[in-house]
Amino acid sequence: MTNAVTAVPPAPSAEALAHFEKSFAFETDCWDVHQAMQSDDPGFVLLDVRGPDAFAEGHVPGARHLMHGKIVGSKLRDDPEGTLYVVYCAGPHCNGAARAAVRLAGLGRPVKVMPGGITGWIDEGFALETGAAEAAA
């Protein structure tokens, strides 16, 4: 029986393996970010790229606030050139994290997206922090 799932055949296993292995270079999940953020040096800067009101209402503990439209080189000058950024927005229905990733990559900065965003974070049962962001220079 043919349906929307079976109408297009799956990729050969070797192609599927290469595709899914490569996806880890572009994204990470909420669980892995949570685990890494428990250490003194997670190895990345976590950026919440939503608006200031959303950030104040609740954000991932330890995240910095920098709206995706405000990502410019001068805002990153205190971070070494090879700093990895992990970006997130509201959740899977929001493309703000992808927009932030485009801007960071365009600046030559390493970046990964946390696709679940705040929605995924909450779904995992992780706590949020509240409060306004510090003013960026």
N, C-alpha and C. Protein backbone atom coordinates (compact mmCIF):
# COMPACT_ATOMS: atom_id res chain seq x y z
N MET A 1 0.84 -1.18 0.00
CA MET A 1 0.00 0.00 0.00
C MET A 1 0.89 1.25 0.00
N THR A 2 0.55 2.20 -0.84
CA THR A 2 1.31 3.44 -0.93
C THR A 2 0.59 4.52 -0.16
N ASN A 3 1.36 5.26 0.61
CA ASN A 3 0.82 6.41 1.33
C ASN A 3 1.89 7.49 1.36
N ALA A 4 1.65 8.57 2.07
CA ALA A 4 2.59 9.68 2.09
C ALA A 4 3.94 9.28 2.67
N VAL A 5 3.98 8.29 3.52
CA VAL A 5 5.24 7.83 4.11
C VAL A 5 6.01 6.94 3.14
N THR A 6 5.30 6.03 2.48
CA THR A 6 5.97 5.04 1.64
C THR A 6 6.13 5.45 0.19
N ALA A 7 5.48 6.53 -0.25
CA ALA A 7 5.53 6.95 -1.65
C ALA A 7 6.95 7.31 -2.10
N VAL A 8 7.71 7.88 -1.22
CA VAL A 8 9.12 8.19 -1.51
C VAL A 8 9.96 7.16 -0.77
N PRO A 9 10.74 6.38 -1.50
CA PRO A 9 11.52 5.34 -0.82
C PRO A 9 12.59 5.95 0.10
N PRO A 10 12.94 5.25 1.15
CA PRO A 10 13.99 5.75 2.04
C PRO A 10 15.35 5.75 1.34
N ALA A 11 16.23 6.58 1.84
CA ALA A 11 17.59 6.63 1.30
C ALA A 11 18.30 5.32 1.60
N PRO A 12 19.26 4.96 0.78
CA PRO A 12 20.07 3.78 1.11
C PRO A 12 20.74 3.99 2.48
N SER A 13 20.98 2.92 3.18
CA SER A 13 21.51 2.98 4.55
C SER A 13 22.78 3.81 4.65
N ALA A 14 23.70 3.67 3.70
CA ALA A 14 24.96 4.43 3.75
C ALA A 14 24.70 5.93 3.67
N GLU A 15 23.75 6.32 2.81
CA GLU A 15 23.40 7.74 2.70
C GLU A 15 22.70 8.23 3.96
N ALA A 16 21.83 7.41 4.51
CA ALA A 16 21.13 7.78 5.74
C ALA A 16 22.14 7.95 6.88
N LEU A 17 23.08 7.04 6.97
CA LEU A 17 24.10 7.13 8.01
C LEU A 17 24.89 8.42 7.89
N ALA A 18 25.34 8.75 6.71
CA ALA A 18 26.11 9.99 6.49
C ALA A 18 25.26 11.21 6.84
N HIS A 19 24.01 11.22 6.43
CA HIS A 19 23.13 12.34 6.71
C HIS A 19 22.93 12.54 8.21
N PHE A 20 22.57 11.48 8.91
CA PHE A 20 22.27 11.62 10.33
C PHE A 20 23.52 11.89 11.16
N GLU A 21 24.65 11.30 10.78
CA GLU A 21 25.91 11.62 11.47
C GLU A 21 26.24 13.10 11.30
N LYS A 22 26.07 13.59 10.10
CA LYS A 22 26.40 15.00 9.82
C LYS A 22 25.48 15.96 10.57
N SER A 23 24.24 15.55 10.84
CA SER A 23 23.30 16.45 11.51
C SER A 23 23.80 16.87 12.89
N PHE A 24 24.61 16.04 13.53
CA PHE A 24 25.15 16.41 14.85
C PHE A 24 26.13 17.57 14.78
N ALA A 25 26.66 17.87 13.61
CA ALA A 25 27.54 19.02 13.45
C ALA A 25 26.74 20.32 13.43
N PHE A 26 25.42 20.23 13.21
CA PHE A 26 24.57 21.41 13.07
C PHE A 26 23.63 21.64 14.24
N GLU A 27 23.32 20.59 14.98
CA GLU A 27 22.37 20.76 16.07
C GLU A 27 22.68 19.85 17.25
N THR A 28 22.10 20.22 18.37
CA THR A 28 22.23 19.46 19.60
C THR A 28 20.87 19.49 20.29
N ASP A 29 20.67 18.65 21.27
CA ASP A 29 19.36 18.64 21.90
C ASP A 29 19.40 19.23 23.31
N CYS A 30 18.21 19.45 23.84
CA CYS A 30 18.08 20.08 25.16
C CYS A 30 18.76 19.25 26.25
N TRP A 31 18.64 17.95 26.17
CA TRP A 31 19.23 17.09 27.19
C TRP A 31 20.75 17.25 27.22
N ASP A 32 21.38 17.23 26.06
CA ASP A 32 22.84 17.36 26.00
C ASP A 32 23.30 18.74 26.46
N VAL A 33 22.54 19.78 26.11
CA VAL A 33 22.87 21.13 26.58
C VAL A 33 22.75 21.19 28.09
N HIS A 34 21.68 20.64 28.63
CA HIS A 34 21.49 20.62 30.09
C HIS A 34 22.65 19.94 30.78
N GLN A 35 23.04 18.78 30.29
CA GLN A 35 24.16 18.05 30.90
C GLN A 35 25.44 18.89 30.85
N ALA A 36 25.73 19.49 29.70
CA ALA A 36 26.95 20.27 29.55
C ALA A 36 26.94 21.51 30.44
N MET A 37 25.78 22.13 30.60
CA MET A 37 25.69 23.36 31.39
C MET A 37 25.90 23.10 32.88
N GLN A 38 25.93 21.84 33.29
CA GLN A 38 26.18 21.52 34.69
C GLN A 38 27.65 21.69 35.07
N SER A 39 28.51 21.76 34.07
CA SER A 39 29.95 21.90 34.34
C SER A 39 30.36 23.36 34.37
N ASP A 40 31.54 23.61 34.92
CA ASP A 40 32.07 24.97 34.97
C ASP A 40 32.42 25.50 33.58
N ASP A 41 32.74 24.60 32.66
CA ASP A 41 33.09 25.01 31.30
C ASP A 41 32.40 24.07 30.31
N PRO A 42 31.18 24.43 29.88
CA PRO A 42 30.46 23.55 28.98
C PRO A 42 31.07 23.45 27.58
N GLY A 43 31.95 24.39 27.23
CA GLY A 43 32.58 24.35 25.91
C GLY A 43 31.85 25.15 24.85
N PHE A 44 30.85 25.92 25.24
CA PHE A 44 30.10 26.74 24.30
C PHE A 44 29.43 27.88 25.06
N VAL A 45 28.98 28.86 24.28
CA VAL A 45 28.16 29.94 24.80
C VAL A 45 26.73 29.68 24.35
N LEU A 46 25.81 29.64 25.29
CA LEU A 46 24.41 29.41 24.98
C LEU A 46 23.73 30.76 24.80
N LEU A 47 23.14 30.96 23.62
CA LEU A 47 22.48 32.23 23.31
C LEU A 47 20.97 32.03 23.17
N ASP A 48 20.23 32.77 23.96
CA ASP A 48 18.78 32.86 23.81
C ASP A 48 18.54 34.01 22.85
N VAL A 49 17.96 33.73 21.70
CA VAL A 49 17.84 34.75 20.65
C VAL A 49 16.43 35.30 20.51
N ARG A 50 15.60 35.08 21.52
CA ARG A 50 14.24 35.61 21.54
C ARG A 50 14.24 37.08 21.98
N GLY A 51 13.09 37.68 22.02
CA GLY A 51 12.96 39.06 22.47
C GLY A 51 13.17 39.19 23.97
N PRO A 52 13.38 40.42 24.44
CA PRO A 52 13.69 40.65 25.85
C PRO A 52 12.56 40.25 26.80
N ASP A 53 11.31 40.42 26.41
CA ASP A 53 10.21 40.03 27.30
C ASP A 53 10.16 38.52 27.48
N ALA A 54 10.33 37.78 26.40
CA ALA A 54 10.34 36.32 26.48
C ALA A 54 11.51 35.84 27.32
N PHE A 55 12.68 36.45 27.14
CA PHE A 55 13.86 36.09 27.94
C PHE A 55 13.58 36.32 29.42
N ALA A 56 13.00 37.47 29.76
CA ALA A 56 12.72 37.80 31.16
C ALA A 56 11.72 36.85 31.78
N GLU A 57 10.74 36.40 30.99
CA GLU A 57 9.72 35.47 31.50
C GLU A 57 10.31 34.11 31.85
N GLY A 58 11.36 33.70 31.16
CA GLY A 58 11.99 32.42 31.46
C GLY A 58 12.96 32.01 30.38
N HIS A 59 14.18 31.69 30.80
CA HIS A 59 15.22 31.27 29.85
C HIS A 59 16.04 30.15 30.48
N VAL A 60 16.84 29.52 29.66
CA VAL A 60 17.70 28.44 30.13
C VAL A 60 18.76 29.05 31.06
N PRO A 61 18.91 28.48 32.26
CA PRO A 61 19.92 29.01 33.19
C PRO A 61 21.30 29.03 32.53
N GLY A 62 21.97 30.16 32.65
CA GLY A 62 23.30 30.32 32.07
C GLY A 62 23.31 30.87 30.66
N ALA A 63 22.13 31.02 30.05
CA ALA A 63 22.07 31.54 28.69
C ALA A 63 22.31 33.05 28.68
N ARG A 64 22.96 33.50 27.64
CA ARG A 64 23.08 34.93 27.38
C ARG A 64 21.97 35.34 26.44
N HIS A 65 21.54 36.58 26.56
CA HIS A 65 20.49 37.08 25.68
C HIS A 65 21.09 37.92 24.57
N LEU A 66 20.78 37.55 23.35
CA LEU A 66 21.18 38.35 22.18
C LEU A 66 20.20 38.02 21.06
N MET A 67 19.27 38.92 20.81
CA MET A 67 18.26 38.67 19.78
C MET A 67 18.94 38.41 18.44
N HIS A 68 18.35 37.51 17.66
CA HIS A 68 18.99 37.11 16.40
C HIS A 68 19.25 38.28 15.48
N GLY A 69 18.39 39.27 15.47
CA GLY A 69 18.58 40.42 14.60
C GLY A 69 19.68 41.37 15.07
N LYS A 70 20.18 41.16 16.28
CA LYS A 70 21.22 42.02 16.85
C LYS A 70 22.59 41.35 16.86
N ILE A 71 22.69 40.18 16.24
CA ILE A 71 23.97 39.47 16.22
C ILE A 71 24.88 40.13 15.19
N VAL A 72 25.90 40.81 15.69
CA VAL A 72 26.92 41.47 14.88
C VAL A 72 28.27 41.23 15.56
N GLY A 73 29.32 41.41 14.80
CA GLY A 73 30.65 41.13 15.31
C GLY A 73 30.98 41.86 16.60
N SER A 74 30.56 43.10 16.73
CA SER A 74 30.90 43.87 17.93
C SER A 74 30.28 43.29 19.19
N LYS A 75 29.15 42.61 19.07
CA LYS A 75 28.50 41.99 20.24
C LYS A 75 29.22 40.73 20.69
N LEU A 76 30.12 40.21 19.83
CA LEU A 76 30.82 38.96 20.13
C LEU A 76 32.29 39.19 20.44
N ARG A 77 32.70 40.42 20.48
CA ARG A 77 34.13 40.73 20.57
C ARG A 77 34.81 40.19 21.83
N ASP A 78 34.07 39.96 22.90
CA ASP A 78 34.67 39.44 24.13
C ASP A 78 34.87 37.93 24.09
N ASP A 79 34.33 37.26 23.08
CA ASP A 79 34.47 35.81 22.96
C ASP A 79 35.60 35.51 21.97
N PRO A 80 36.48 34.57 22.32
CA PRO A 80 37.54 34.19 21.37
C PRO A 80 36.95 33.74 20.03
N GLU A 81 37.71 33.90 18.98
CA GLU A 81 37.25 33.58 17.62
C GLU A 81 36.66 32.18 17.46
N GLY A 82 37.21 31.18 18.09
CA GLY A 82 36.74 29.81 17.90
C GLY A 82 35.61 29.40 18.82
N THR A 83 35.03 30.35 19.55
CA THR A 83 33.96 30.04 20.49
C THR A 83 32.77 29.41 19.75
N LEU A 84 32.31 28.29 20.27
CA LEU A 84 31.11 27.64 19.74
C LEU A 84 29.89 28.28 20.39
N TYR A 85 28.91 28.62 19.57
CA TYR A 85 27.64 29.15 20.07
C TYR A 85 26.57 28.11 19.85
N VAL A 86 25.72 27.92 20.86
CA VAL A 86 24.52 27.12 20.72
C VAL A 86 23.36 28.10 20.87
N VAL A 87 22.49 28.12 19.88
CA VAL A 87 21.40 29.09 19.86
C VAL A 87 20.05 28.40 19.98
N TYR A 88 19.13 29.10 20.65
CA TYR A 88 17.77 28.58 20.74
C TYR A 88 16.78 29.73 20.75
N CYS A 89 15.55 29.40 20.39
CA CYS A 89 14.46 30.38 20.43
C CYS A 89 13.27 29.73 21.14
N ALA A 90 12.05 30.02 20.70
CA ALA A 90 10.86 29.55 21.40
C ALA A 90 10.67 28.03 21.27
N GLY A 91 10.95 27.48 20.13
CA GLY A 91 10.74 26.05 19.95
C GLY A 91 10.70 25.67 18.49
N PRO A 92 10.18 24.48 18.20
CA PRO A 92 10.21 23.97 16.83
C PRO A 92 9.36 24.77 15.85
N HIS A 93 8.48 25.60 16.35
CA HIS A 93 7.64 26.42 15.48
C HIS A 93 8.26 27.78 15.18
N CYS A 94 9.47 28.01 15.67
CA CYS A 94 10.14 29.31 15.55
C CYS A 94 11.43 29.14 14.76
N ASN A 95 11.70 30.06 13.82
CA ASN A 95 12.93 29.96 13.05
C ASN A 95 14.00 30.96 13.52
N GLY A 96 13.79 31.56 14.68
CA GLY A 96 14.77 32.52 15.21
C GLY A 96 16.14 31.90 15.43
N ALA A 97 16.18 30.67 15.87
CA ALA A 97 17.47 30.01 16.09
C ALA A 97 18.20 29.79 14.76
N ALA A 98 17.46 29.42 13.73
CA ALA A 98 18.08 29.24 12.41
C ALA A 98 18.58 30.59 11.89
N ARG A 99 17.82 31.65 12.11
CA ARG A 99 18.25 32.98 11.69
C ARG A 99 19.54 33.39 12.43
N ALA A 100 19.59 33.09 13.71
CA ALA A 100 20.79 33.39 14.50
C ALA A 100 21.97 32.58 13.99
N ALA A 101 21.74 31.31 13.67
CA ALA A 101 22.81 30.46 13.16
C ALA A 101 23.36 31.00 11.85
N VAL A 102 22.48 31.49 10.99
CA VAL A 102 22.92 32.08 9.72
C VAL A 102 23.82 33.29 9.99
N ARG A 103 23.40 34.14 10.90
CA ARG A 103 24.19 35.34 11.20
C ARG A 103 25.55 34.96 11.79
N LEU A 104 25.57 34.03 12.74
CA LEU A 104 26.83 33.61 13.36
C LEU A 104 27.75 32.96 12.34
N ALA A 105 27.21 32.06 11.54
CA ALA A 105 28.03 31.41 10.51
C ALA A 105 28.56 32.44 9.52
N GLY A 106 27.75 33.43 9.19
CA GLY A 106 28.19 34.49 8.30
C GLY A 106 29.32 35.32 8.87
N LEU A 107 29.41 35.34 10.19
CA LEU A 107 30.50 36.04 10.87
C LEU A 107 31.71 35.13 11.09
N GLY A 108 31.63 33.92 10.57
CA GLY A 108 32.73 32.97 10.71
C GLY A 108 32.78 32.30 12.07
N ARG A 109 31.66 32.31 12.79
CA ARG A 109 31.61 31.72 14.13
C ARG A 109 31.01 30.32 14.08
N PRO A 110 31.60 29.37 14.81
CA PRO A 110 31.01 28.03 14.91
C PRO A 110 29.67 28.09 15.64
N VAL A 111 28.69 27.36 15.14
CA VAL A 111 27.34 27.44 15.72
C VAL A 111 26.59 26.12 15.56
N LYS A 112 25.78 25.84 16.56
CA LYS A 112 24.82 24.74 16.52
C LYS A 112 23.48 25.29 17.00
N VAL A 113 22.41 24.66 16.56
CA VAL A 113 21.06 25.03 16.97
C VAL A 113 20.54 23.99 17.96
N MET A 114 19.81 24.47 18.97
CA MET A 114 19.08 23.59 19.88
C MET A 114 17.62 23.65 19.43
N PRO A 115 17.20 22.75 18.51
CA PRO A 115 15.90 22.87 17.85
C PRO A 115 14.68 22.90 18.78
N GLY A 116 14.71 22.26 19.89
CA GLY A 116 13.54 22.25 20.78
C GLY A 116 13.28 23.57 21.44
N GLY A 117 14.31 24.41 21.56
CA GLY A 117 14.16 25.71 22.20
C GLY A 117 13.58 25.60 23.60
N ILE A 118 12.93 26.67 24.02
CA ILE A 118 12.32 26.69 25.35
C ILE A 118 11.26 25.61 25.49
N THR A 119 10.51 25.36 24.43
CA THR A 119 9.48 24.32 24.47
C THR A 119 10.09 22.96 24.80
N GLY A 120 11.17 22.62 24.12
CA GLY A 120 11.84 21.35 24.38
C GLY A 120 12.44 21.30 25.76
N TRP A 121 13.00 22.42 26.21
CA TRP A 121 13.59 22.49 27.55
C TRP A 121 12.54 22.18 28.60
N ILE A 122 11.38 22.82 28.48
CA ILE A 122 10.29 22.60 29.42
C ILE A 122 9.77 21.17 29.31
N ASP A 123 9.65 20.66 28.08
CA ASP A 123 9.19 19.28 27.88
C ASP A 123 10.09 18.27 28.57
N GLU A 124 11.38 18.57 28.66
CA GLU A 124 12.32 17.67 29.34
C GLU A 124 12.21 17.78 30.86
N GLY A 125 11.48 18.79 31.34
CA GLY A 125 11.30 18.96 32.78
C GLY A 125 12.39 19.82 33.42
N PHE A 126 13.16 20.52 32.61
CA PHE A 126 14.23 21.36 33.14
C PHE A 126 13.69 22.71 33.57
N ALA A 127 14.30 23.27 34.60
CA ALA A 127 13.88 24.55 35.16
C ALA A 127 14.32 25.71 34.26
N LEU A 128 13.56 26.79 34.38
CA LEU A 128 13.91 28.04 33.71
C LEU A 128 14.36 29.04 34.78
N GLU A 129 15.11 30.01 34.32
CA GLU A 129 15.54 31.12 35.15
C GLU A 129 14.74 32.33 34.67
N THR A 130 14.41 33.24 35.55
CA THR A 130 13.69 34.44 35.14
C THR A 130 14.54 35.67 35.39
N GLY A 131 14.16 36.76 34.78
CA GLY A 131 14.86 38.02 34.97
C GLY A 131 15.35 38.58 33.66
N ALA A 132 15.45 39.88 33.63
CA ALA A 132 15.88 40.58 32.42
C ALA A 132 17.35 40.35 32.17
N ALA A 133 17.71 40.45 30.91
CA ALA A 133 19.12 40.32 30.50
C ALA A 133 19.88 41.58 30.88
N GLU A 134 21.18 41.40 31.09
CA GLU A 134 22.05 42.56 31.28
C GLU A 134 22.16 43.29 29.95
N ALA A 135 22.26 44.59 30.01
CA ALA A 135 22.40 45.36 28.77
C ALA A 135 23.68 45.01 28.07
N ALA A 136 23.60 44.73 26.78
CA ALA A 136 24.79 44.41 25.99
C ALA A 136 25.46 45.70 25.54
N ALA A 137 26.77 45.64 25.46
CA ALA A 137 27.53 46.83 25.07
C ALA A 137 27.35 47.13 23.60
